[in-house]
């Protein structure tokens, strides 16, 4: 597993599982979290640390890009639920983008489309943040 935080890369191999990477990058007006590989109980803590770092740094406009995520478990889903109240309480949001049909089905079965805005790609999510910022002021 590799975790990328501000151009630093950390590798962790757990029980010969597929690698998992998390990368943060700026795509104003949001921070983008790129996911790659398997997000499960073993790798969820890396995503949790990444989101905690963003919130601690007062980055409340977050896009999670699932383009390269191949699998997500309930543990991975739980990470998003842990941060949404804090983010929205600070006038931000977590927008989800680029899910494969397989990953989207997991979110859909658990009702996430009623809680989160889900977009086909990162640019659509970014545009929504831009429109929201223009409406606010």
C-alpha atoms as a PDB file:
ATOM      1  CA  UNK A   1       0.000   0.000   0.000  1.00  0.00           C
ATOM      2  CA  UNK A   2       1.281   3.466  -0.769  1.00  0.00           C
ATOM      3  CA  UNK A   3       0.038   6.681   0.735  1.00  0.00           C
ATOM      4  CA  UNK A   4       1.041   9.940  -0.924  1.00  0.00           C
ATOM      5  CA  UNK A   5       0.854  13.108   1.144  1.00  0.00           C
ATOM      6  CA  UNK A   6       2.337  16.260  -0.325  1.00  0.00           C
ATOM      7  CA  UNK A   7       4.691  14.418  -2.655  1.00  0.00           C
ATOM      8  CA  UNK A   8       5.775  11.890  -0.030  1.00  0.00           C
ATOM      9  CA  UNK A   9       5.127   8.215  -0.707  1.00  0.00           C
ATOM     10  CA  UNK A  10       4.655   5.540   1.939  1.00  0.00           C
ATOM     11  CA  UNK A  11       4.341   1.827   1.137  1.00  0.00           C
ATOM     12  CA  UNK A  12       2.634  -0.828   3.189  1.00  0.00           C
ATOM     13  CA  UNK A  13       1.992  -4.393   2.106  1.00  0.00           C
ATOM     14  CA  UNK A  14      -0.683  -6.180   4.129  1.00  0.00           C
ATOM     15  CA  UNK A  15      -1.214  -9.910   3.625  1.00  0.00           C
ATOM     16  CA  UNK A  16      -0.284  -9.708  -0.074  1.00  0.00           C
ATOM     17  CA  UNK A  17      -3.313  -7.511  -0.743  1.00  0.00           C
ATOM     18  CA  UNK A  18      -3.358  -5.147  -3.683  1.00  0.00           C
ATOM     19  CA  UNK A  19      -1.663  -1.839  -3.139  1.00  0.00           C
ATOM     20  CA  UNK A  20      -3.656   1.167  -2.053  1.00  0.00           C
ATOM     21  CA  UNK A  21      -2.618   4.757  -2.584  1.00  0.00           C
ATOM     22  CA  UNK A  22      -4.046   8.033  -1.398  1.00  0.00           C
ATOM     23  CA  UNK A  23      -2.806  11.288  -2.922  1.00  0.00           C
ATOM     24  CA  UNK A  24      -3.846  14.862  -2.172  1.00  0.00           C
ATOM     25  CA  UNK A  25      -3.608  17.621  -4.758  1.00  0.00           C
ATOM     26  CA  UNK A  26      -5.029  21.078  -5.186  1.00  0.00           C
ATOM     27  CA  UNK A  27      -7.633  21.751  -7.887  1.00  0.00           C
ATOM     28  CA  UNK A  28      -8.915  25.130  -6.737  1.00  0.00           C
ATOM     29  CA  UNK A  29     -11.399  25.659  -5.191  1.00  0.00           C
ATOM     30  CA  UNK A  30     -11.129  22.132  -3.768  1.00  0.00           C
ATOM     31  CA  UNK A  31      -8.582  19.648  -2.518  1.00  0.00           C
ATOM     32  CA  UNK A  32      -8.688  16.389  -4.474  1.00  0.00           C
ATOM     33  CA  UNK A  33      -8.128  13.030  -2.824  1.00  0.00           C
ATOM     34  CA  UNK A  34      -7.112  10.460  -5.447  1.00  0.00           C
ATOM     35  CA  UNK A  35      -7.762   6.839  -4.475  1.00  0.00           C
ATOM     36  CA  UNK A  36      -6.125   3.868  -6.150  1.00  0.00           C
ATOM     37  CA  UNK A  37      -6.476   0.145  -5.461  1.00  0.00           C
ATOM     38  CA  UNK A  38      -8.385  -1.595  -2.664  1.00  0.00           C
ATOM     39  CA  UNK A  39     -10.067   0.361   0.134  1.00  0.00           C
ATOM     40  CA  UNK A  40     -10.927  -2.029   2.939  1.00  0.00           C
ATOM     41  CA  UNK A  41     -10.485  -2.451   6.703  1.00  0.00           C
ATOM     42  CA  UNK A  42      -6.694  -2.685   6.293  1.00  0.00           C
ATOM     43  CA  UNK A  43      -6.346   0.421   4.156  1.00  0.00           C
ATOM     44  CA  UNK A  44      -9.180   2.616   5.491  1.00  0.00           C
ATOM     45  CA  UNK A  45      -6.952   4.148   8.212  1.00  0.00           C
ATOM     46  CA  UNK A  46      -4.790   5.764   5.520  1.00  0.00           C
ATOM     47  CA  UNK A  47      -7.840   7.449   3.988  1.00  0.00           C
ATOM     48  CA  UNK A  48      -8.996   8.472   7.451  1.00  0.00           C
ATOM     49  CA  UNK A  49      -5.608  10.084   8.183  1.00  0.00           C
ATOM     50  CA  UNK A  50      -5.738  11.912   4.857  1.00  0.00           C
ATOM     51  CA  UNK A  51      -9.213  13.333   5.457  1.00  0.00           C
ATOM     52  CA  UNK A  52      -8.307  14.226   9.051  1.00  0.00           C
ATOM     53  CA  UNK A  53      -5.285  16.139   7.787  1.00  0.00           C
ATOM     54  CA  UNK A  54      -7.428  18.092   5.320  1.00  0.00           C
ATOM     55  CA  UNK A  55      -9.986  18.974   7.990  1.00  0.00           C
ATOM     56  CA  UNK A  56      -7.269  19.886  10.510  1.00  0.00           C
ATOM     57  CA  UNK A  57      -5.772  22.216   7.874  1.00  0.00           C
ATOM     58  CA  UNK A  58      -9.249  23.739   7.389  1.00  0.00           C
ATOM     59  CA  UNK A  59      -9.671  22.404   3.851  1.00  0.00           C
ATOM     60  CA  UNK A  60     -13.420  21.822   3.728  1.00  0.00           C
ATOM     61  CA  UNK A  61     -13.999  21.636  -0.041  1.00  0.00           C
ATOM     62  CA  UNK A  62     -13.013  18.070  -0.867  1.00  0.00           C
ATOM     63  CA  UNK A  63     -13.394  15.996  -4.009  1.00  0.00           C
ATOM     64  CA  UNK A  64     -12.685  12.293  -3.710  1.00  0.00           C
ATOM     65  CA  UNK A  65     -11.647  10.889  -7.077  1.00  0.00           C
ATOM     66  CA  UNK A  66     -12.462   7.175  -7.333  1.00  0.00           C
ATOM     67  CA  UNK A  67     -11.267   6.803 -10.937  1.00  0.00           C
ATOM     68  CA  UNK A  68      -8.557   4.284 -10.009  1.00  0.00           C
ATOM     69  CA  UNK A  69     -10.275   2.602  -7.050  1.00  0.00           C
ATOM     70  CA  UNK A  70     -11.075  -1.027  -7.826  1.00  0.00           C
ATOM     71  CA  UNK A  71     -12.753  -2.126  -4.583  1.00  0.00           C
ATOM     72  CA  UNK A  72     -14.379  -0.594  -1.508  1.00  0.00           C
ATOM     73  CA  UNK A  73     -15.649  -2.324   1.629  1.00  0.00           C
ATOM     74  CA  UNK A  74     -17.994  -1.101   4.350  1.00  0.00           C
ATOM     75  CA  UNK A  75     -14.955   0.023   6.351  1.00  0.00           C
ATOM     76  CA  UNK A  76     -14.024   2.339   3.500  1.00  0.00           C
ATOM     77  CA  UNK A  77     -17.556   3.720   3.322  1.00  0.00           C
ATOM     78  CA  UNK A  78     -17.505   4.423   7.039  1.00  0.00           C
ATOM     79  CA  UNK A  79     -14.580   6.796   6.657  1.00  0.00           C
ATOM     80  CA  UNK A  80     -16.712   9.187   4.628  1.00  0.00           C
ATOM     81  CA  UNK A  81     -19.482   9.160   7.209  1.00  0.00           C
ATOM     82  CA  UNK A  82     -16.984  10.053   9.943  1.00  0.00           C
ATOM     83  CA  UNK A  83     -16.084  13.394   8.323  1.00  0.00           C
ATOM     84  CA  UNK A  84     -19.163  14.694   6.544  1.00  0.00           C
ATOM     85  CA  UNK A  85     -20.693  16.492   9.539  1.00  0.00           C
ATOM     86  CA  UNK A  86     -17.470  18.339  10.379  1.00  0.00           C
ATOM     87  CA  UNK A  87     -16.937  19.333   6.762  1.00  0.00           C
ATOM     88  CA  UNK A  88     -20.498  20.549   6.199  1.00  0.00           C
ATOM     89  CA  UNK A  89     -20.524  22.242   9.596  1.00  0.00           C
ATOM     90  CA  UNK A  90     -17.738  24.441   8.218  1.00  0.00           C
ATOM     91  CA  UNK A  91     -19.647  25.306   5.011  1.00  0.00           C
ATOM     92  CA  UNK A  92     -17.760  22.724   2.974  1.00  0.00           C
ATOM     93  CA  UNK A  93     -18.648  19.443   1.327  1.00  0.00           C
ATOM     94  CA  UNK A  94     -17.212  16.130   0.231  1.00  0.00           C
ATOM     95  CA  UNK A  95     -18.090  15.425  -3.394  1.00  0.00           C
ATOM     96  CA  UNK A  96     -17.469  12.009  -4.914  1.00  0.00           C
ATOM     97  CA  UNK A  97     -16.365  11.553  -8.513  1.00  0.00           C
ATOM     98  CA  UNK A  98     -15.230   9.041 -11.104  1.00  0.00           C
ATOM     99  CA  UNK A  99     -16.662   5.840  -9.652  1.00  0.00           C
ATOM    100  CA  UNK A 100     -16.686   2.650 -11.659  1.00  0.00           C
ATOM    101  CA  UNK A 101     -20.109   0.976 -11.897  1.00  0.00           C
ATOM    102  CA  UNK A 102     -18.932  -1.670  -9.398  1.00  0.00           C
ATOM    103  CA  UNK A 103     -17.914   0.915  -6.779  1.00  0.00           C
ATOM    104  CA  UNK A 104     -20.994   3.062  -7.443  1.00  0.00           C
ATOM    105  CA  UNK A 105     -23.263   0.072  -6.827  1.00  0.00           C
ATOM    106  CA  UNK A 106     -21.868  -0.328  -3.308  1.00  0.00           C
ATOM    107  CA  UNK A 107     -22.539   3.347  -2.553  1.00  0.00           C
ATOM    108  CA  UNK A 108     -25.978   3.150  -4.147  1.00  0.00           C
ATOM    109  CA  UNK A 109     -27.053   0.061  -2.188  1.00  0.00           C
ATOM    110  CA  UNK A 110     -26.283   1.868   1.063  1.00  0.00           C
ATOM    111  CA  UNK A 111     -28.113   5.066   0.116  1.00  0.00           C
ATOM    112  CA  UNK A 112     -25.058   7.292  -0.305  1.00  0.00           C
ATOM    113  CA  UNK A 113     -26.491   9.146  -3.346  1.00  0.00           C
ATOM    114  CA  UNK A 114     -29.035  10.673  -0.964  1.00  0.00           C
ATOM    115  CA  UNK A 115     -26.229  11.928   1.313  1.00  0.00           C
ATOM    116  CA  UNK A 116     -23.477  12.871  -1.143  1.00  0.00           C
ATOM    117  CA  UNK A 117     -23.259  14.481  -4.541  1.00  0.00           C
ATOM    118  CA  UNK A 118     -21.747  11.929  -6.919  1.00  0.00           C
ATOM    119  CA  UNK A 119     -20.344  13.061 -10.274  1.00  0.00           C
ATOM    120  CA  UNK A 120     -19.098  11.248 -13.355  1.00  0.00           C
ATOM    121  CA  UNK A 121     -15.746  12.998 -13.155  1.00  0.00           C
ATOM    122  CA  UNK A 122     -13.651  15.374 -11.090  1.00  0.00           C
ATOM    123  CA  UNK A 123     -14.255  18.387 -13.339  1.00  0.00           C
ATOM    124  CA  UNK A 124     -18.027  18.187 -12.797  1.00  0.00           C
ATOM    125  CA  UNK A 125     -17.511  18.137  -9.027  1.00  0.00           C
ATOM    126  CA  UNK A 126     -15.054  21.042  -9.246  1.00  0.00           C
ATOM    127  CA  UNK A 127     -17.518  23.038 -11.344  1.00  0.00           C
ATOM    128  CA  UNK A 128     -20.192  22.528  -8.680  1.00  0.00           C
ATOM    129  CA  UNK A 129     -17.838  23.998  -6.029  1.00  0.00           C
ATOM    130  CA  UNK A 130     -17.176  26.970  -8.325  1.00  0.00           C
ATOM    131  CA  UNK A 131     -20.903  27.562  -8.871  1.00  0.00           C
ATOM    132  CA  UNK A 132     -21.595  27.293  -5.135  1.00  0.00           C
ATOM    133  CA  UNK A 133     -18.832  29.785  -4.333  1.00  0.00           C
ATOM    134  CA  UNK A 134     -20.168  32.235  -6.917  1.00  0.00           C
ATOM    135  CA  UNK A 135     -23.678  31.964  -5.444  1.00  0.00           C
ATOM    136  CA  UNK A 136     -22.377  32.604  -1.929  1.00  0.00           C
ATOM    137  CA  UNK A 137     -20.547  35.659  -2.780  1.00  0.00           C
END
